[in-house]
Amino acid sequence: MIGFLLTLIVVGLVAGFLARALVPGDDSMSIGMTIVLGVVGSFVGGFLGYVLFGKDLNEGGVQPSGIVGSVIGAIIVLLAWRAAHHGRASRI
């Protein structure tokens, strides 16, 4: 259980950092928020991978395609967060 949580945190940090590096713009986020971005992106990427390609956890949870899916999911979440944050800031 501890190993799973550590893996989740490390993959979340890497995916969140890569998403923030690949998408241009100013993101004022702490390391904790970057980890949350990556973890949520990992779930989004895993869900999209399952829907599109029909893969499941029996094939392994940590693999290169899973990390790529995590980064893609984190980019999607980051763009959605920016859209929601920008829309809220313009209404004030």
Protein backbone atom coordinates (compact mmCIF):
# COMPACT_ATOMS: atom_id res chain seq x y z
CA MET A 1 0.00 0.00 0.00
CA ILE A 2 2.82 2.43 0.86
CA GLY A 3 4.58 1.55 -2.40
CA PHE A 4 1.42 2.31 -4.38
CA LEU A 5 1.02 5.70 -2.71
CA LEU A 6 4.67 6.62 -3.29
CA THR A 7 4.38 5.55 -6.94
CA LEU A 8 1.21 7.61 -7.29
CA ILE A 9 2.92 10.68 -5.83
CA VAL A 10 6.05 10.33 -7.98
CA VAL A 11 4.11 9.70 -11.21
CA GLY A 12 1.78 12.58 -10.30
CA LEU A 13 4.71 14.92 -9.75
CA VAL A 14 6.38 13.93 -13.03
CA ALA A 15 3.13 14.11 -15.05
CA GLY A 16 2.12 17.44 -13.49
CA PHE A 17 5.57 18.94 -14.03
CA LEU A 18 5.68 17.80 -17.67
CA ALA A 19 2.16 19.11 -18.30
CA ARG A 20 3.11 22.50 -16.86
CA ALA A 21 6.31 22.52 -18.94
CA LEU A 22 4.57 21.55 -22.19
CA VAL A 23 1.67 24.00 -21.94
CA PRO A 24 2.93 27.58 -22.21
CA GLY A 25 1.69 30.18 -19.78
CA ASP A 26 1.90 31.24 -16.17
CA ASP A 27 0.86 28.61 -13.65
CA SER A 28 1.27 29.71 -10.08
CA MET A 29 1.09 26.31 -8.42
CA SER A 30 2.86 24.78 -5.46
CA ILE A 31 4.52 21.37 -5.62
CA GLY A 32 1.48 19.91 -3.87
CA MET A 33 -0.87 21.30 -6.51
CA THR A 34 1.45 19.98 -9.23
CA ILE A 35 1.19 16.51 -7.68
CA VAL A 36 -2.60 16.81 -7.49
CA LEU A 37 -2.66 17.93 -11.13
CA GLY A 38 -0.60 14.89 -12.14
CA VAL A 39 -2.64 12.42 -10.07
CA VAL A 40 -5.96 13.71 -11.42
CA GLY A 41 -4.44 13.75 -14.90
CA SER A 42 -3.34 10.16 -14.39
CA PHE A 43 -6.90 9.11 -13.66
CA VAL A 44 -8.20 11.09 -16.65
CA GLY A 45 -5.53 9.59 -18.92
CA GLY A 46 -6.20 6.09 -17.61
CA PHE A 47 -9.93 6.49 -18.16
CA LEU A 48 -9.42 7.79 -21.70
CA GLY A 49 -6.98 4.97 -22.44
CA TYR A 50 -9.50 2.41 -21.23
CA VAL A 51 -12.35 3.98 -23.24
CA LEU A 52 -10.31 4.39 -26.43
CA PHE A 53 -8.14 1.25 -26.37
CA GLY A 54 -9.86 -1.11 -23.92
CA LYS A 55 -6.74 -1.73 -21.77
CA ASP A 56 -7.03 -2.72 -18.12
CA LEU A 57 -4.86 -2.96 -15.00
CA ASN A 58 -4.04 -6.63 -15.61
CA GLU A 59 -1.47 -5.40 -18.14
CA GLY A 60 0.47 -3.41 -15.52
CA GLY A 61 -0.16 -0.10 -13.87
CA VAL A 62 3.22 1.59 -14.39
CA GLN A 63 4.45 1.41 -17.95
CA PRO A 64 5.63 3.99 -20.50
CA SER A 65 2.24 4.24 -22.18
CA GLY A 66 0.62 4.84 -18.79
CA ILE A 67 3.00 7.68 -18.02
CA VAL A 68 2.34 9.22 -21.44
CA GLY A 69 -1.40 8.88 -20.76
CA SER A 70 -0.88 10.54 -17.38
CA VAL A 71 0.87 13.50 -19.00
CA ILE A 72 -1.86 13.82 -21.65
CA GLY A 73 -4.52 13.64 -18.94
CA ALA A 74 -2.67 16.24 -16.87
CA ILE A 75 -2.52 18.56 -19.89
CA ILE A 76 -6.29 18.17 -20.34
CA VAL A 77 -6.89 18.89 -16.64
CA LEU A 78 -4.52 21.88 -16.72
CA LEU A 79 -6.29 23.38 -19.73
CA ALA A 80 -9.69 22.82 -18.08
CA TRP A 81 -8.41 24.41 -14.85
CA ARG A 82 -7.12 27.42 -16.76
CA ALA A 83 -10.43 27.81 -18.61
CA ALA A 84 -12.39 27.67 -15.36
CA HIS A 85 -9.95 29.95 -13.54
CA HIS A 86 -9.85 32.48 -16.39
CA GLY A 87 -13.65 32.53 -16.65
CA ARG A 88 -13.98 33.16 -12.93
CA ALA A 89 -11.39 35.97 -12.96
CA SER A 90 -13.08 37.81 -15.82
CA ARG A 91 -16.44 37.86 -13.98
CA ILE A 92 -15.05 39.63 -10.91
